[in-house]
Amino acid sequence: MGFDTAKLDAELKQVVKDLEKIQQGLGTRYIAQMQRKSLGLAVKQMKAEIKDSKEVFRVYRNGGIYAEITPGTLRKSIGIGRSKTSNNRLFSGFWVGPRVKGSFKDPEKGGWFAHFINYGYLRDGSYRGANKGFADRAKASAIPQVLASFIPMLKAHAEKILSKHK
């Protein structure tokens, strides 16, 4: 029993063309949109883990007040940021956490102090408040939710592209 190599070769070339069309349709831009949408769940979870302070927290540097952090500042700074990658056409990366650049650069507005709170490094390492570990708890509970949201969106988009090229 033999194969018709010409027919097999033509079918293989068609499969390669279809895969190239799918790859173009699943470009970084579309994947990034789906990622951002899914990561909104992680933002909500991280904000939910933060318990607002009842008082203004003063940060002292060089013998004076450096910043007065009002209650709710950390929660307001939580958002989605885009990671820098070596090739944005092939890969997109995002993170969820406190923003510290742009309009959040102001020490009284940004979340630059979040890692101190998350790991308990305030007050000479003796911080034991309700917010200790907030980011770790949010990450642990949000990852399954983000994946449960992202994977079906990606599959639906891929199926849509496949159905167009049949």
N, C-alpha and C. Protein backbone atom coordinates (compact mmCIF):
# COMPACT_ATOMS: atom_id res chain seq x y z
N MET A 1 0.85 -1.17 0.00
CA MET A 1 0.00 0.00 0.00
C MET A 1 0.90 1.23 0.00
N GLY A 2 0.61 2.16 -0.88
CA GLY A 2 1.44 3.34 -1.00
C GLY A 2 0.65 4.62 -0.77
N PHE A 3 1.38 5.72 -0.70
CA PHE A 3 0.76 7.03 -0.51
C PHE A 3 0.93 7.86 -1.77
N ASP A 4 -0.08 8.68 -2.04
CA ASP A 4 0.04 9.65 -3.12
C ASP A 4 0.78 10.85 -2.55
N THR A 5 2.09 10.90 -2.79
CA THR A 5 2.92 11.93 -2.15
C THR A 5 2.55 13.34 -2.61
N ALA A 6 2.08 13.50 -3.82
CA ALA A 6 1.70 14.83 -4.30
C ALA A 6 0.49 15.35 -3.52
N LYS A 7 -0.49 14.46 -3.32
CA LYS A 7 -1.69 14.86 -2.57
C LYS A 7 -1.34 15.13 -1.09
N LEU A 8 -0.51 14.27 -0.51
CA LEU A 8 -0.08 14.44 0.87
C LEU A 8 0.69 15.75 1.04
N ASP A 9 1.56 16.05 0.07
CA ASP A 9 2.34 17.28 0.11
C ASP A 9 1.42 18.51 0.03
N ALA A 10 0.40 18.47 -0.83
CA ALA A 10 -0.55 19.59 -0.97
C ALA A 10 -1.34 19.79 0.32
N GLU A 11 -1.76 18.70 0.94
CA GLU A 11 -2.52 18.81 2.19
C GLU A 11 -1.63 19.36 3.31
N LEU A 12 -0.39 18.92 3.35
CA LEU A 12 0.54 19.41 4.37
C LEU A 12 0.79 20.90 4.20
N LYS A 13 0.94 21.34 2.95
CA LYS A 13 1.13 22.77 2.70
C LYS A 13 -0.10 23.58 3.14
N GLN A 14 -1.29 23.02 2.93
CA GLN A 14 -2.53 23.69 3.35
C GLN A 14 -2.60 23.80 4.87
N VAL A 15 -2.18 22.75 5.57
CA VAL A 15 -2.16 22.77 7.03
C VAL A 15 -1.21 23.86 7.52
N VAL A 16 -0.05 23.96 6.91
CA VAL A 16 0.92 24.99 7.29
C VAL A 16 0.34 26.38 7.06
N LYS A 17 -0.33 26.59 5.93
CA LYS A 17 -0.97 27.89 5.66
C LYS A 17 -2.03 28.21 6.71
N ASP A 18 -2.85 27.21 7.06
CA ASP A 18 -3.89 27.41 8.07
C ASP A 18 -3.27 27.76 9.42
N LEU A 19 -2.19 27.08 9.77
CA LEU A 19 -1.52 27.38 11.04
C LEU A 19 -0.93 28.79 11.05
N GLU A 20 -0.42 29.22 9.92
CA GLU A 20 0.11 30.59 9.84
C GLU A 20 -1.01 31.61 10.01
N LYS A 21 -2.18 31.34 9.44
CA LYS A 21 -3.32 32.25 9.60
C LYS A 21 -3.77 32.29 11.06
N ILE A 22 -3.79 31.13 11.70
CA ILE A 22 -4.18 31.07 13.11
C ILE A 22 -3.19 31.87 13.95
N GLN A 23 -1.91 31.70 13.66
CA GLN A 23 -0.89 32.40 14.43
C GLN A 23 -1.05 33.91 14.28
N GLN A 24 -1.38 34.37 13.07
CA GLN A 24 -1.59 35.79 12.86
C GLN A 24 -2.81 36.27 13.63
N GLY A 25 -3.87 35.46 13.65
CA GLY A 25 -5.09 35.83 14.35
C GLY A 25 -4.93 35.82 15.86
N LEU A 26 -4.02 34.97 16.32
CA LEU A 26 -3.75 34.90 17.76
C LEU A 26 -2.54 35.78 18.09
N GLY A 27 -2.46 36.92 17.45
CA GLY A 27 -1.35 37.82 17.68
C GLY A 27 -1.30 38.33 19.10
N THR A 28 -0.19 38.91 19.43
CA THR A 28 0.07 39.41 20.78
C THR A 28 -1.00 40.40 21.22
N ARG A 29 -1.48 41.22 20.29
CA ARG A 29 -2.47 42.23 20.65
C ARG A 29 -3.74 41.59 21.22
N TYR A 30 -4.22 40.54 20.57
CA TYR A 30 -5.44 39.88 21.03
C TYR A 30 -5.21 39.13 22.33
N ILE A 31 -4.07 38.47 22.42
CA ILE A 31 -3.75 37.76 23.66
C ILE A 31 -3.61 38.74 24.81
N ALA A 32 -2.98 39.88 24.55
CA ALA A 32 -2.82 40.90 25.59
C ALA A 32 -4.17 41.42 26.06
N GLN A 33 -5.11 41.61 25.16
CA GLN A 33 -6.45 42.07 25.55
C GLN A 33 -7.12 41.04 26.46
N MET A 34 -6.97 39.77 26.11
CA MET A 34 -7.57 38.71 26.93
C MET A 34 -6.87 38.62 28.29
N GLN A 35 -5.55 38.79 28.30
CA GLN A 35 -4.82 38.76 29.56
C GLN A 35 -5.27 39.88 30.49
N ARG A 36 -5.35 41.09 29.95
CA ARG A 36 -5.76 42.23 30.77
C ARG A 36 -7.15 42.02 31.35
N LYS A 37 -8.06 41.50 30.51
CA LYS A 37 -9.41 41.26 30.98
C LYS A 37 -9.42 40.24 32.11
N SER A 38 -8.66 39.17 31.96
CA SER A 38 -8.59 38.14 33.00
C SER A 38 -7.93 38.65 34.27
N LEU A 39 -6.90 39.48 34.11
CA LEU A 39 -6.17 39.99 35.27
C LEU A 39 -6.99 40.98 36.09
N GLY A 40 -8.08 41.47 35.53
CA GLY A 40 -8.98 42.33 36.32
C GLY A 40 -9.47 41.60 37.56
N LEU A 41 -9.61 40.29 37.48
CA LEU A 41 -10.01 39.48 38.64
C LEU A 41 -8.94 39.52 39.72
N ALA A 42 -7.67 39.48 39.31
CA ALA A 42 -6.58 39.54 40.28
C ALA A 42 -6.51 40.90 40.96
N VAL A 43 -6.79 41.96 40.19
CA VAL A 43 -6.80 43.31 40.77
C VAL A 43 -7.88 43.39 41.85
N LYS A 44 -9.07 42.91 41.53
CA LYS A 44 -10.16 42.93 42.52
C LYS A 44 -9.80 42.14 43.75
N GLN A 45 -9.18 40.98 43.56
CA GLN A 45 -8.80 40.13 44.70
C GLN A 45 -7.75 40.81 45.57
N MET A 46 -6.76 41.44 44.94
CA MET A 46 -5.71 42.10 45.71
C MET A 46 -6.27 43.29 46.49
N LYS A 47 -7.15 44.05 45.85
CA LYS A 47 -7.77 45.18 46.55
C LYS A 47 -8.63 44.70 47.72
N ALA A 48 -9.29 43.56 47.54
CA ALA A 48 -10.14 43.01 48.60
C ALA A 48 -9.32 42.55 49.80
N GLU A 49 -8.07 42.17 49.59
CA GLU A 49 -7.20 41.70 50.68
C GLU A 49 -6.66 42.84 51.54
N ILE A 50 -6.76 44.07 51.06
CA ILE A 50 -6.18 45.21 51.77
C ILE A 50 -7.18 45.78 52.75
N LYS A 51 -6.76 45.90 53.98
CA LYS A 51 -7.57 46.53 55.03
C LYS A 51 -7.01 47.93 55.23
N ASP A 52 -7.86 48.94 55.05
CA ASP A 52 -7.40 50.33 55.17
C ASP A 52 -7.06 50.66 56.62
N SER A 53 -6.01 51.44 56.77
CA SER A 53 -5.61 51.93 58.08
C SER A 53 -6.64 52.95 58.56
N LYS A 54 -6.68 53.16 59.85
CA LYS A 54 -7.61 54.15 60.39
C LYS A 54 -6.93 55.51 60.59
N GLU A 55 -5.63 55.55 60.36
CA GLU A 55 -4.91 56.81 60.57
C GLU A 55 -3.88 57.04 59.47
N VAL A 56 -3.42 58.28 59.37
CA VAL A 56 -2.38 58.64 58.42
C VAL A 56 -1.06 58.04 58.90
N PHE A 57 -0.31 57.44 57.98
CA PHE A 57 0.99 56.84 58.32
C PHE A 57 2.07 57.79 57.84
N ARG A 58 2.92 58.23 58.74
CA ARG A 58 3.98 59.17 58.39
C ARG A 58 5.30 58.42 58.19
N VAL A 59 5.98 58.77 57.09
CA VAL A 59 7.27 58.18 56.78
C VAL A 59 8.31 59.26 56.99
N TYR A 60 9.31 58.96 57.82
CA TYR A 60 10.35 59.94 58.14
C TYR A 60 11.64 59.58 57.43
N ARG A 61 12.28 60.60 56.84
CA ARG A 61 13.60 60.44 56.23
C ARG A 61 14.39 61.72 56.45
N ASN A 62 15.66 61.56 56.70
CA ASN A 62 16.57 62.69 56.90
C ASN A 62 16.06 63.67 57.95
N GLY A 63 15.51 63.17 59.01
CA GLY A 63 15.07 64.01 60.12
C GLY A 63 13.76 64.73 59.91
N GLY A 64 13.03 64.43 58.83
CA GLY A 64 11.76 65.10 58.60
C GLY A 64 10.74 64.14 57.98
N ILE A 65 9.55 64.65 57.80
CA ILE A 65 8.50 63.84 57.21
C ILE A 65 8.72 63.76 55.70
N TYR A 66 8.85 62.55 55.19
CA TYR A 66 9.04 62.31 53.76
C TYR A 66 7.68 62.22 53.06
N ALA A 67 6.75 61.50 53.68
CA ALA A 67 5.43 61.32 53.09
C ALA A 67 4.41 61.04 54.18
N GLU A 68 3.19 61.50 53.94
CA GLU A 68 2.07 61.17 54.81
C GLU A 68 1.10 60.35 53.97
N ILE A 69 1.02 59.07 54.29
CA ILE A 69 0.22 58.15 53.49
C ILE A 69 -1.16 58.04 54.12
N THR A 70 -2.15 58.45 53.35
CA THR A 70 -3.52 58.44 53.85
C THR A 70 -4.14 57.06 53.68
N PRO A 71 -5.13 56.73 54.50
CA PRO A 71 -5.80 55.44 54.36
C PRO A 71 -6.39 55.28 52.96
N GLY A 72 -6.22 54.11 52.39
CA GLY A 72 -6.76 53.82 51.06
C GLY A 72 -5.76 54.02 49.93
N THR A 73 -4.57 54.56 50.24
CA THR A 73 -3.58 54.83 49.20
C THR A 73 -3.11 53.55 48.53
N LEU A 74 -2.82 52.53 49.32
CA LEU A 74 -2.33 51.28 48.76
C LEU A 74 -3.39 50.65 47.85
N ARG A 75 -4.62 50.63 48.28
CA ARG A 75 -5.72 50.06 47.49
C ARG A 75 -5.85 50.80 46.14
N LYS A 76 -5.75 52.13 46.18
CA LYS A 76 -5.89 52.93 44.95
C LYS A 76 -4.73 52.69 43.98
N SER A 77 -3.58 52.31 44.50
CA SER A 77 -2.41 52.14 43.64
C SER A 77 -2.39 50.78 42.94
N ILE A 78 -3.20 49.85 43.34
CA ILE A 78 -3.20 48.51 42.74
C ILE A 78 -3.76 48.57 41.32
N GLY A 79 -3.03 47.99 40.40
CA GLY A 79 -3.47 47.98 39.01
C GLY A 79 -2.69 46.98 38.19
N ILE A 80 -2.87 47.04 36.89
CA ILE A 80 -2.19 46.14 35.95
C ILE A 80 -1.11 46.94 35.24
N GLY A 81 0.09 46.36 35.19
CA GLY A 81 1.18 47.00 34.47
C GLY A 81 1.70 46.06 33.39
N ARG A 82 2.35 46.63 32.41
CA ARG A 82 2.90 45.82 31.32
C ARG A 82 4.39 45.64 31.53
N SER A 83 4.83 44.42 31.45
CA SER A 83 6.25 44.12 31.59
C SER A 83 6.97 44.41 30.29
N LYS A 84 8.20 44.82 30.40
CA LYS A 84 9.01 45.00 29.20
C LYS A 84 9.52 43.64 28.78
N THR A 85 9.42 43.37 27.49
CA THR A 85 9.92 42.10 26.96
C THR A 85 10.88 42.40 25.82
N SER A 86 11.71 41.43 25.50
CA SER A 86 12.68 41.66 24.44
C SER A 86 12.02 41.67 23.06
N ASN A 87 10.86 41.01 22.92
CA ASN A 87 10.18 40.98 21.64
C ASN A 87 8.68 41.06 21.88
N ASN A 88 8.12 42.26 21.83
CA ASN A 88 6.70 42.45 22.10
C ASN A 88 5.79 41.83 21.05
N ARG A 89 6.33 41.51 19.87
CA ARG A 89 5.49 40.89 18.84
C ARG A 89 5.23 39.42 19.15
N LEU A 90 6.10 38.80 19.91
CA LEU A 90 5.95 37.37 20.18
C LEU A 90 5.42 37.08 21.58
N PHE A 91 5.52 38.03 22.48
CA PHE A 91 5.18 37.75 23.86
C PHE A 91 4.66 39.01 24.53
N SER A 92 3.67 38.85 25.35
CA SER A 92 3.20 39.98 26.15
C SER A 92 3.17 39.53 27.60
N GLY A 93 3.54 40.40 28.46
CA GLY A 93 3.58 40.05 29.87
C GLY A 93 3.00 41.18 30.71
N PHE A 94 2.22 40.81 31.68
CA PHE A 94 1.60 41.79 32.57
C PHE A 94 1.84 41.38 34.01
N TRP A 95 1.73 42.33 34.90
CA TRP A 95 1.80 42.06 36.32
C TRP A 95 0.68 42.81 37.01
N VAL A 96 0.33 42.34 38.19
CA VAL A 96 -0.69 42.99 39.01
C VAL A 96 -0.02 43.37 40.32
N GLY A 97 -0.21 44.60 40.72
CA GLY A 97 0.38 45.04 41.97
C GLY A 97 0.30 46.54 42.11
N PRO A 98 1.02 47.08 43.09
CA PRO A 98 1.00 48.52 43.32
C PRO A 98 1.75 49.26 42.23
N ARG A 99 1.16 50.33 41.76
CA ARG A 99 1.81 51.15 40.74
C ARG A 99 2.66 52.22 41.42
N VAL A 100 3.81 52.49 40.87
CA VAL A 100 4.73 53.45 41.47
C VAL A 100 5.33 54.42 40.46
N LYS A 101 4.88 54.34 39.22
CA LYS A 101 5.42 55.23 38.20
C LYS A 101 4.31 56.08 37.61
N GLY A 102 4.69 57.02 36.77
CA GLY A 102 3.70 57.90 36.15
C GLY A 102 3.02 58.77 37.20
N SER A 103 1.71 58.80 37.17
CA SER A 103 0.98 59.63 38.13
C SER A 103 1.08 59.07 39.54
N PHE A 104 1.55 57.84 39.70
CA PHE A 104 1.70 57.23 41.02
C PHE A 104 3.13 57.39 41.57
N LYS A 105 3.94 58.22 40.91
CA LYS A 105 5.32 58.43 41.33
C LYS A 105 5.39 59.20 42.65
N ASP A 106 4.41 60.03 42.92
CA ASP A 106 4.36 60.81 44.16
C ASP A 106 4.37 59.85 45.35
N PRO A 107 5.29 60.01 46.31
CA PRO A 107 5.37 59.08 47.44
C PRO A 107 4.10 59.05 48.31
N GLU A 108 3.27 60.07 48.20
CA GLU A 108 2.04 60.08 48.98
C GLU A 108 0.88 59.46 48.20
N LYS A 109 1.11 59.12 46.93
CA LYS A 109 0.05 58.57 46.10
C LYS A 109 0.32 57.12 45.68
N GLY A 110 1.57 56.79 45.41
CA GLY A 110 1.92 55.46 44.90
C GLY A 110 1.98 54.41 45.98
N GLY A 111 2.14 53.18 45.54
CA GLY A 111 2.19 52.04 46.46
C GLY A 111 3.59 51.52 46.68
N TRP A 112 4.59 52.41 46.68
CA TRP A 112 5.99 52.03 46.82
C TRP A 112 6.27 51.26 48.11
N PHE A 113 5.44 51.36 49.09
CA PHE A 113 5.66 50.75 50.40
C PHE A 113 4.99 49.37 50.52
N ALA A 114 4.36 48.90 49.45
CA ALA A 114 3.59 47.66 49.52
C ALA A 114 4.43 46.46 49.94
N HIS A 115 5.65 46.35 49.44
CA HIS A 115 6.47 45.19 49.80
C HIS A 115 6.84 45.20 51.28
N PHE A 116 6.96 46.39 51.88
CA PHE A 116 7.25 46.46 53.31
C PHE A 116 6.08 45.88 54.11
N ILE A 117 4.88 46.20 53.67
CA ILE A 117 3.68 45.71 54.35
C ILE A 117 3.49 44.22 54.09
N ASN A 118 3.63 43.80 52.85
CA ASN A 118 3.41 42.40 52.51
C ASN A 118 4.35 41.47 53.28
N TYR A 119 5.62 41.87 53.41
CA TYR A 119 6.60 41.00 54.06
C TYR A 119 6.87 41.35 55.51
N GLY A 120 6.17 42.37 56.05
CA GLY A 120 6.27 42.69 57.47
C GLY A 120 7.50 43.46 57.88
N TYR A 121 8.07 44.27 56.98
CA TYR A 121 9.30 44.99 57.30
C TYR A 121 9.06 46.40 57.82
N LEU A 122 7.88 46.70 58.28
CA LEU A 122 7.63 48.00 58.91
C LEU A 122 7.97 47.91 60.39
N ARG A 123 8.24 49.05 60.98
CA ARG A 123 8.52 49.13 62.42
C ARG A 123 9.60 48.13 62.84
N ASP A 124 10.74 48.22 62.17
CA ASP A 124 11.91 47.37 62.46
C ASP A 124 11.60 45.88 62.32
N GLY A 125 10.80 45.53 61.35
CA GLY A 125 10.51 44.12 61.07
C GLY A 125 9.48 43.50 61.98
N SER A 126 8.79 44.33 62.75
CA SER A 126 7.82 43.77 63.70
C SER A 126 6.37 43.99 63.28
N TYR A 127 6.15 44.33 62.03
CA TYR A 127 4.78 44.58 61.57
C TYR A 127 4.02 43.26 61.51
N ARG A 128 2.89 43.23 62.18
CA ARG A 128 2.05 42.03 62.20
C ARG A 128 0.60 42.37 61.89
N GLY A 129 0.38 43.48 61.19
CA GLY A 129 -0.97 43.95 60.91
C GLY A 129 -1.74 43.05 59.96
N ALA A 130 -2.99 43.42 59.74
CA ALA A 130 -3.90 42.63 58.90
C ALA A 130 -3.43 42.56 57.45
N ASN A 131 -2.63 43.52 57.02
CA ASN A 131 -2.20 43.54 55.62
C ASN A 131 -0.94 42.72 55.37
N LYS A 132 -0.30 42.20 56.40
CA LYS A 132 0.89 41.39 56.18
C LYS A 132 0.51 40.19 55.33
N GLY A 133 1.20 40.03 54.21
CA GLY A 133 0.94 38.92 53.30
C GLY A 133 -0.24 39.12 52.36
N PHE A 134 -0.74 40.36 52.25
CA PHE A 134 -1.93 40.61 51.41
C PHE A 134 -1.70 40.20 49.96
N ALA A 135 -0.52 40.49 49.41
CA ALA A 135 -0.25 40.17 48.00
C ALA A 135 -0.12 38.67 47.80
N ASP A 136 0.50 37.99 48.74
CA ASP A 136 0.65 36.54 48.62
C ASP A 136 -0.70 35.83 48.70
N ARG A 137 -1.55 36.29 49.61
CA ARG A 137 -2.90 35.70 49.72
C ARG A 137 -3.71 35.95 48.45
N ALA A 138 -3.62 37.18 47.94
CA ALA A 138 -4.37 37.52 46.72
C ALA A 138 -3.89 36.69 45.54
N LYS A 139 -2.60 36.53 45.42
CA LYS A 139 -2.03 35.76 44.31
C LYS A 139 -2.51 34.30 44.39
N ALA A 140 -2.45 33.72 45.56
CA ALA A 140 -2.84 32.32 45.72
C ALA A 140 -4.30 32.08 45.35
N SER A 141 -5.16 33.02 45.69
CA SER A 141 -6.58 32.82 45.39
C SER A 141 -6.97 33.30 43.99
N ALA A 142 -6.19 34.21 43.42
CA ALA A 142 -6.56 34.77 42.11
C ALA A 142 -6.07 33.95 40.92
N ILE A 143 -4.95 33.26 41.06
CA ILE A 143 -4.39 32.53 39.92
C ILE A 143 -5.39 31.54 39.33
N PRO A 144 -6.05 30.70 40.12
CA PRO A 144 -7.03 29.79 39.51
C PRO A 144 -8.18 30.53 38.82
N GLN A 145 -8.61 31.64 39.38
CA GLN A 145 -9.69 32.42 38.77
C GLN A 145 -9.25 33.04 37.44
N VAL A 146 -8.03 33.55 37.42
CA VAL A 146 -7.52 34.17 36.19
C VAL A 146 -7.39 33.12 35.09
N LEU A 147 -6.85 31.97 35.43
CA LEU A 147 -6.72 30.90 34.43
C LEU A 147 -8.07 30.41 33.96
N ALA A 148 -9.02 30.28 34.88
CA ALA A 148 -10.37 29.82 34.52
C ALA A 148 -11.06 30.83 33.60
N SER A 149 -10.66 32.07 33.67
CA SER A 149 -11.23 33.10 32.79
C SER A 149 -10.48 33.18 31.46
N PHE A 150 -9.15 33.11 31.52
CA PHE A 150 -8.32 33.31 30.33
C PHE A 150 -8.40 32.15 29.34
N ILE A 151 -8.29 30.93 29.82
CA ILE A 151 -8.23 29.77 28.93
C ILE A 151 -9.47 29.63 28.06
N PRO A 152 -10.70 29.75 28.60
CA PRO A 152 -11.86 29.67 27.71
C PRO A 152 -11.92 30.81 26.68
N MET A 153 -11.48 32.02 27.08
CA MET A 153 -11.45 33.12 26.11
C MET A 153 -10.49 32.82 24.98
N LEU A 154 -9.32 32.29 25.33
CA LEU A 154 -8.32 31.96 24.32
C LEU A 154 -8.83 30.85 23.39
N LYS A 155 -9.45 29.82 23.97
CA LYS A 155 -9.99 28.72 23.16
C LYS A 155 -11.09 29.22 22.23
N ALA A 156 -11.98 30.06 22.73
CA ALA A 156 -13.07 30.58 21.91
C ALA A 156 -12.52 31.42 20.76
N HIS A 157 -11.51 32.22 21.04
CA HIS A 157 -10.90 33.04 20.00
C HIS A 157 -10.23 32.16 18.94
N ALA A 158 -9.51 31.13 19.38
CA ALA A 158 -8.84 30.22 18.44
C ALA A 158 -9.87 29.49 17.58
N GLU A 159 -10.96 29.04 18.19
CA GLU A 159 -12.01 28.36 17.42
C GLU A 159 -12.65 29.29 16.40
N LYS A 160 -12.82 30.54 16.78
CA LYS A 160 -13.38 31.54 15.87
C LYS A 160 -12.46 31.72 14.65
N ILE A 161 -11.17 31.78 14.90
CA ILE A 161 -10.21 31.94 13.81
C ILE A 161 -10.20 30.68 12.93
N LEU A 162 -10.23 29.52 13.56
CA LEU A 162 -10.24 28.27 12.80
C LEU A 162 -11.48 28.16 11.91
N SER A 163 -12.62 28.56 12.44
CA SER A 163 -13.85 28.46 11.67
C SER A 163 -13.84 29.39 10.46
N LYS A 164 -13.16 30.51 10.55
CA LYS A 164 -13.05 31.45 9.43
C LYS A 164 -12.21 30.88 8.29
N HIS A 165 -11.23 30.02 8.64
CA HIS A 165 -10.29 29.55 7.65
C HIS A 165 -10.57 28.13 7.17
N LYS A 166 -11.74 27.62 7.41
CA LYS A 166 -12.06 26.27 6.94
C LYS A 166 -12.65 26.31 5.57
